[in-house]
Every structure is written in structure tokens, then in C-alpha cells.
Amino acid sequence: MTTAILSDHISGATPSMTETVQKTTGDHSAPPSLRSIILTARLSHLIPPAELARILGLFAPPVNPQSREWRALDAALDAYDHAAQSQIDLESAHALVNTAARALLCHARSTAVAAG
């Protein structure tokens, strides 16, 4: 469902952005359970903040776009981009992205449990 919503926003993506999304999410380096959140984070700069908050609210449990875990995932994706541009260790960059995505989802779950 989230991927379908995001597809409406992908049309403005540049070819290099689209290729990077595919490299980060589509080559099995990200476990299937993490791909939606990584794709959402990757495209978050193309989505108006209110729409991003709405999309992240659709995750179960919802993800807070103001959380430090969300910012960490964004930073991990920036580090991946830097590694790709510099042609340095992409394996470590993939691991960093996956770890940040797991931490984000774990934090969202623990926040939801504490609230509920």
C-alpha cells in the first residue's frame, strides 16, 4: 500500500535518484521487511512534509518523521550515496542503511507499545 502511494511521487525523480533507489532497495541487499521504509526514506525529499507524515502514519506502527531514528536512516542513506559516488565499501553502507531501518522500526514498535 505504501509503495502504491509513493509511486505517485516518483514521477518527479531524476534518473540518478531512481537508479539509487533501485540499488538501495531492489537488489536484495535490504531484507523485504525493510524495503518499504527505506524506499520511503529515499524518496522523502521529493514529498511535501505533510504528505510524508501522512504516508509514514500508514506504517504499522506509525513512524514519526521527527524522530532521531528517522534522521539516522536519512543520514545512512546519505552515507550510502557518498560511498557509491566515492566507489568505496558499499557493503558497509548497505549494512548501515539496514541497521538504521531496523532501529527505526524497532523504535516505532516500542513507542506504540508504550503508548498503547
N, C-alpha and C. Protein backbone atom coordinates (compact mmCIF):
# COMPACT_ATOMS: atom_id res chain seq x y z
N MET A 1 0.82 -1.19 0.00
CA MET A 1 0.00 0.00 0.00
C MET A 1 0.87 1.25 0.00
N THR A 2 1.89 1.29 0.83
CA THR A 2 2.77 2.45 0.88
C THR A 2 3.49 2.62 -0.45
N THR A 3 3.93 1.54 -1.06
CA THR A 3 4.62 1.63 -2.34
C THR A 3 3.72 2.22 -3.41
N ALA A 4 2.44 1.87 -3.41
CA ALA A 4 1.50 2.44 -4.38
C ALA A 4 1.35 3.94 -4.16
N ILE A 5 1.28 4.37 -2.92
CA ILE A 5 1.16 5.79 -2.62
C ILE A 5 2.42 6.52 -3.07
N LEU A 6 3.58 5.92 -2.82
CA LEU A 6 4.83 6.56 -3.22
C LEU A 6 4.99 6.65 -4.72
N SER A 7 4.41 5.72 -5.46
CA SER A 7 4.58 5.75 -6.91
C SER A 7 4.02 7.02 -7.52
N ASP A 8 3.04 7.63 -6.87
CA ASP A 8 2.51 8.90 -7.34
C ASP A 8 3.55 10.01 -7.27
N HIS A 9 4.52 9.87 -6.37
CA HIS A 9 5.52 10.91 -6.16
C HIS A 9 6.81 10.64 -6.91
N ILE A 10 6.97 9.46 -7.46
CA ILE A 10 8.22 9.08 -8.12
C ILE A 10 8.38 9.78 -9.46
N SER A 11 7.31 10.19 -10.08
CA SER A 11 7.39 10.77 -11.42
C SER A 11 8.35 11.96 -11.48
N GLY A 12 8.56 12.66 -10.36
CA GLY A 12 9.47 13.79 -10.35
C GLY A 12 10.91 13.41 -10.07
N ALA A 13 11.17 12.14 -9.87
CA ALA A 13 12.52 11.69 -9.54
C ALA A 13 13.43 11.75 -10.76
N THR A 14 14.65 12.15 -10.53
CA THR A 14 15.63 12.17 -11.61
C THR A 14 16.10 10.74 -11.87
N PRO A 15 16.65 10.47 -13.06
CA PRO A 15 17.14 9.11 -13.33
C PRO A 15 18.15 8.65 -12.29
N SER A 16 19.05 9.52 -11.86
CA SER A 16 20.05 9.08 -10.88
C SER A 16 19.38 8.74 -9.55
N MET A 17 18.35 9.48 -9.15
CA MET A 17 17.62 9.18 -7.92
C MET A 17 16.93 7.83 -8.06
N THR A 18 16.29 7.60 -9.20
CA THR A 18 15.60 6.34 -9.42
C THR A 18 16.58 5.17 -9.39
N GLU A 19 17.73 5.33 -10.03
CA GLU A 19 18.74 4.27 -10.03
C GLU A 19 19.24 3.99 -8.62
N THR A 20 19.44 5.04 -7.83
CA THR A 20 19.92 4.86 -6.47
C THR A 20 18.89 4.15 -5.61
N VAL A 21 17.60 4.48 -5.81
CA VAL A 21 16.54 3.78 -5.08
C VAL A 21 16.59 2.31 -5.41
N GLN A 22 16.73 1.98 -6.69
CA GLN A 22 16.78 0.58 -7.09
C GLN A 22 17.99 -0.12 -6.50
N LYS A 23 19.14 0.55 -6.49
CA LYS A 23 20.34 -0.06 -5.94
C LYS A 23 20.20 -0.27 -4.43
N THR A 24 19.58 0.68 -3.74
CA THR A 24 19.47 0.59 -2.29
C THR A 24 18.40 -0.38 -1.86
N THR A 25 17.32 -0.52 -2.66
CA THR A 25 16.19 -1.32 -2.19
C THR A 25 15.90 -2.54 -3.05
N GLY A 26 16.33 -2.55 -4.30
CA GLY A 26 15.85 -3.58 -5.19
C GLY A 26 16.78 -4.74 -5.46
N ASP A 27 17.96 -4.74 -4.89
CA ASP A 27 18.90 -5.80 -5.23
C ASP A 27 19.08 -6.82 -4.12
N HIS A 28 18.09 -7.00 -3.29
CA HIS A 28 18.09 -7.98 -2.22
C HIS A 28 19.07 -7.66 -1.09
N SER A 29 19.73 -6.49 -1.14
CA SER A 29 20.61 -6.15 -0.04
C SER A 29 19.80 -5.70 1.17
N ALA A 30 18.60 -5.22 0.93
CA ALA A 30 17.71 -4.86 2.03
C ALA A 30 16.69 -5.98 2.18
N PRO A 31 16.52 -6.49 3.39
CA PRO A 31 15.50 -7.53 3.60
C PRO A 31 14.12 -7.00 3.22
N PRO A 32 13.25 -7.86 2.74
CA PRO A 32 11.91 -7.41 2.32
C PRO A 32 11.17 -6.60 3.38
N SER A 33 11.36 -6.94 4.64
CA SER A 33 10.66 -6.23 5.71
C SER A 33 11.13 -4.78 5.87
N LEU A 34 12.27 -4.44 5.28
CA LEU A 34 12.81 -3.08 5.40
C LEU A 34 12.65 -2.25 4.13
N ARG A 35 12.30 -2.87 3.04
CA ARG A 35 12.31 -2.17 1.75
C ARG A 35 11.35 -1.00 1.70
N SER A 36 10.15 -1.13 2.26
CA SER A 36 9.18 -0.03 2.19
C SER A 36 9.66 1.20 2.95
N ILE A 37 10.23 1.00 4.13
CA ILE A 37 10.69 2.16 4.90
C ILE A 37 11.92 2.79 4.27
N ILE A 38 12.80 1.96 3.69
CA ILE A 38 13.98 2.50 3.01
C ILE A 38 13.56 3.28 1.76
N LEU A 39 12.65 2.73 1.00
CA LEU A 39 12.16 3.43 -0.19
C LEU A 39 11.50 4.75 0.20
N THR A 40 10.70 4.73 1.25
CA THR A 40 10.05 5.95 1.71
C THR A 40 11.09 6.99 2.13
N ALA A 41 12.10 6.55 2.87
CA ALA A 41 13.16 7.48 3.29
C ALA A 41 13.91 8.02 2.09
N ARG A 42 14.17 7.15 1.13
CA ARG A 42 14.91 7.57 -0.07
C ARG A 42 14.15 8.66 -0.83
N LEU A 43 12.84 8.53 -0.89
CA LEU A 43 12.03 9.47 -1.66
C LEU A 43 11.50 10.63 -0.82
N SER A 44 11.82 10.66 0.45
CA SER A 44 11.23 11.66 1.35
C SER A 44 11.53 13.09 0.95
N HIS A 45 12.64 13.31 0.27
CA HIS A 45 12.99 14.67 -0.14
C HIS A 45 12.16 15.14 -1.34
N LEU A 46 11.45 14.23 -1.96
CA LEU A 46 10.59 14.57 -3.10
C LEU A 46 9.13 14.76 -2.69
N ILE A 47 8.83 14.50 -1.44
CA ILE A 47 7.45 14.50 -0.95
C ILE A 47 7.27 15.68 0.00
N PRO A 48 6.20 16.45 -0.15
CA PRO A 48 5.95 17.54 0.81
C PRO A 48 5.87 16.98 2.24
N PRO A 49 6.37 17.73 3.22
CA PRO A 49 6.41 17.23 4.61
C PRO A 49 5.07 16.72 5.14
N ALA A 50 3.99 17.39 4.84
CA ALA A 50 2.68 16.94 5.33
C ALA A 50 2.30 15.59 4.71
N GLU A 51 2.62 15.42 3.44
CA GLU A 51 2.32 14.15 2.76
C GLU A 51 3.22 13.04 3.30
N LEU A 52 4.49 13.37 3.56
CA LEU A 52 5.40 12.39 4.14
C LEU A 52 4.88 11.92 5.50
N ALA A 53 4.46 12.86 6.33
CA ALA A 53 3.92 12.50 7.65
C ALA A 53 2.69 11.60 7.50
N ARG A 54 1.84 11.90 6.51
CA ARG A 54 0.65 11.08 6.27
C ARG A 54 1.05 9.66 5.84
N ILE A 55 2.02 9.57 4.94
CA ILE A 55 2.47 8.25 4.46
C ILE A 55 3.10 7.46 5.60
N LEU A 56 3.95 8.10 6.39
CA LEU A 56 4.59 7.40 7.50
C LEU A 56 3.58 6.99 8.56
N GLY A 57 2.49 7.72 8.64
CA GLY A 57 1.41 7.34 9.56
C GLY A 57 0.69 6.08 9.14
N LEU A 58 0.84 5.67 7.89
CA LEU A 58 0.21 4.45 7.38
C LEU A 58 0.98 3.19 7.77
N PHE A 59 2.25 3.36 8.15
CA PHE A 59 3.02 2.20 8.59
C PHE A 59 2.42 1.66 9.87
N ALA A 60 2.57 0.36 10.08
CA ALA A 60 2.05 -0.27 11.30
C ALA A 60 3.23 -0.83 12.07
N PRO A 61 3.59 -0.21 13.16
CA PRO A 61 3.05 1.02 13.75
C PRO A 61 3.54 2.25 12.98
N PRO A 62 2.88 3.39 13.21
CA PRO A 62 3.27 4.62 12.51
C PRO A 62 4.71 5.03 12.83
N VAL A 63 5.33 5.71 11.88
CA VAL A 63 6.71 6.18 12.03
C VAL A 63 6.67 7.70 12.18
N ASN A 64 7.43 8.20 13.13
CA ASN A 64 7.49 9.65 13.38
C ASN A 64 8.60 10.26 12.52
N PRO A 65 8.24 11.16 11.57
CA PRO A 65 9.27 11.75 10.72
C PRO A 65 10.17 12.74 11.46
N GLN A 66 9.82 13.07 12.70
CA GLN A 66 10.64 13.97 13.51
C GLN A 66 11.59 13.22 14.44
N SER A 67 11.53 11.90 14.44
CA SER A 67 12.34 11.11 15.38
C SER A 67 13.81 11.10 14.97
N ARG A 68 14.67 10.90 15.96
CA ARG A 68 16.10 10.80 15.66
C ARG A 68 16.40 9.55 14.85
N GLU A 69 15.58 8.51 14.99
CA GLU A 69 15.77 7.29 14.21
C GLU A 69 15.50 7.54 12.72
N TRP A 70 14.50 8.37 12.42
CA TRP A 70 14.22 8.74 11.03
C TRP A 70 15.40 9.53 10.46
N ARG A 71 15.91 10.47 11.26
CA ARG A 71 17.06 11.26 10.81
C ARG A 71 18.30 10.36 10.62
N ALA A 72 18.43 9.34 11.47
CA ALA A 72 19.56 8.41 11.32
C ALA A 72 19.45 7.61 10.02
N LEU A 73 18.24 7.21 9.66
CA LEU A 73 18.06 6.50 8.39
C LEU A 73 18.40 7.41 7.22
N ASP A 74 17.97 8.65 7.30
CA ASP A 74 18.29 9.62 6.25
C ASP A 74 19.81 9.80 6.14
N ALA A 75 20.49 9.90 7.29
CA ALA A 75 21.94 10.04 7.29
C ALA A 75 22.62 8.79 6.72
N ALA A 76 22.08 7.62 7.03
CA ALA A 76 22.64 6.38 6.49
C ALA A 76 22.51 6.34 4.97
N LEU A 77 21.39 6.82 4.46
CA LEU A 77 21.22 6.87 3.01
C LEU A 77 22.18 7.88 2.38
N ASP A 78 22.43 8.99 3.05
CA ASP A 78 23.43 9.95 2.58
C ASP A 78 24.82 9.31 2.56
N ALA A 79 25.13 8.54 3.59
CA ALA A 79 26.42 7.85 3.65
C ALA A 79 26.53 6.83 2.51
N TYR A 80 25.43 6.15 2.22
CA TYR A 80 25.42 5.21 1.10
C TYR A 80 25.71 5.95 -0.22
N ASP A 81 25.05 7.09 -0.41
CA ASP A 81 25.28 7.88 -1.63
C ASP A 81 26.74 8.29 -1.74
N HIS A 82 27.30 8.73 -0.63
CA HIS A 82 28.71 9.12 -0.63
C HIS A 82 29.61 7.93 -0.97
N ALA A 83 29.32 6.79 -0.40
CA ALA A 83 30.11 5.59 -0.69
C ALA A 83 30.01 5.22 -2.17
N ALA A 84 28.80 5.33 -2.72
CA ALA A 84 28.62 4.99 -4.13
C ALA A 84 29.37 5.96 -5.03
N GLN A 85 29.30 7.25 -4.70
CA GLN A 85 30.00 8.26 -5.52
C GLN A 85 31.51 8.12 -5.40
N SER A 86 31.97 7.75 -4.22
CA SER A 86 33.41 7.61 -3.98
C SER A 86 33.94 6.24 -4.36
N GLN A 87 33.03 5.35 -4.75
CA GLN A 87 33.38 3.97 -5.09
C GLN A 87 34.14 3.29 -3.96
N ILE A 88 33.59 3.48 -2.75
CA ILE A 88 34.18 2.80 -1.60
C ILE A 88 33.20 1.75 -1.10
N ASP A 89 33.47 1.14 0.00
CA ASP A 89 32.78 -0.02 0.54
C ASP A 89 31.25 0.10 0.59
N LEU A 90 30.58 -0.38 -0.45
CA LEU A 90 29.12 -0.34 -0.47
C LEU A 90 28.51 -1.36 0.48
N GLU A 91 29.22 -2.43 0.76
CA GLU A 91 28.70 -3.46 1.67
C GLU A 91 28.45 -2.86 3.06
N SER A 92 29.41 -2.09 3.55
CA SER A 92 29.24 -1.43 4.85
C SER A 92 28.12 -0.39 4.79
N ALA A 93 28.03 0.30 3.68
CA ALA A 93 26.97 1.31 3.53
C ALA A 93 25.60 0.64 3.53
N HIS A 94 25.46 -0.49 2.84
CA HIS A 94 24.20 -1.25 2.86
C HIS A 94 23.86 -1.69 4.28
N ALA A 95 24.86 -2.19 4.98
CA ALA A 95 24.63 -2.65 6.36
C ALA A 95 24.18 -1.49 7.24
N LEU A 96 24.77 -0.33 7.05
CA LEU A 96 24.38 0.85 7.83
C LEU A 96 22.93 1.24 7.56
N VAL A 97 22.53 1.24 6.30
CA VAL A 97 21.14 1.54 5.94
C VAL A 97 20.19 0.52 6.57
N ASN A 98 20.52 -0.75 6.44
CA ASN A 98 19.66 -1.79 7.00
C ASN A 98 19.56 -1.68 8.52
N THR A 99 20.67 -1.38 9.18
CA THR A 99 20.67 -1.24 10.63
C THR A 99 19.83 -0.04 11.06
N ALA A 100 19.98 1.08 10.36
CA ALA A 100 19.19 2.27 10.69
C ALA A 100 17.70 2.02 10.47
N ALA A 101 17.36 1.31 9.41
CA ALA A 101 15.94 1.00 9.14
C ALA A 101 15.38 0.09 10.23
N ARG A 102 16.15 -0.92 10.63
CA ARG A 102 15.71 -1.82 11.72
C ARG A 102 15.51 -1.04 13.02
N ALA A 103 16.46 -0.15 13.33
CA ALA A 103 16.35 0.65 14.56
C ALA A 103 15.12 1.54 14.52
N LEU A 104 14.83 2.12 13.36
CA LEU A 104 13.65 2.96 13.22
C LEU A 104 12.37 2.17 13.48
N LEU A 105 12.26 1.01 12.86
CA LEU A 105 11.06 0.20 13.04
C LEU A 105 10.94 -0.34 14.46
N CYS A 106 12.07 -0.70 15.06
CA CYS A 106 12.06 -1.16 16.44
C CYS A 106 11.60 -0.03 17.37
N HIS A 107 12.10 1.16 17.14
CA HIS A 107 11.69 2.31 17.96
C HIS A 107 10.20 2.59 17.78
N ALA A 108 9.71 2.51 16.54
CA ALA A 108 8.28 2.74 16.30
C ALA A 108 7.44 1.72 17.05
N ARG A 109 7.89 0.45 17.03
CA ARG A 109 7.15 -0.60 17.76
C ARG A 109 7.16 -0.34 19.26
N SER A 110 8.32 0.00 19.82
CA SER A 110 8.39 0.22 21.27
C SER A 110 7.59 1.45 21.68
N THR A 111 7.56 2.47 20.84
CA THR A 111 6.76 3.65 21.12
C THR A 111 5.28 3.31 21.10
N ALA A 112 4.87 2.50 20.14
CA ALA A 112 3.47 2.11 20.04
C ALA A 112 3.05 1.26 21.23
N VAL A 113 3.94 0.36 21.69
CA VAL A 113 3.63 -0.48 22.85
C VAL A 113 3.51 0.38 24.10
N ALA A 114 4.41 1.33 24.27
CA ALA A 114 4.39 2.20 25.44
C ALA A 114 3.13 3.08 25.46
N ALA A 115 2.69 3.48 24.28
CA ALA A 115 1.50 4.35 24.19
C ALA A 115 0.20 3.56 24.36
N GLY A 116 0.26 2.29 24.00
CA GLY A 116 -0.97 1.50 23.96
C GLY A 116 -1.17 0.65 25.13
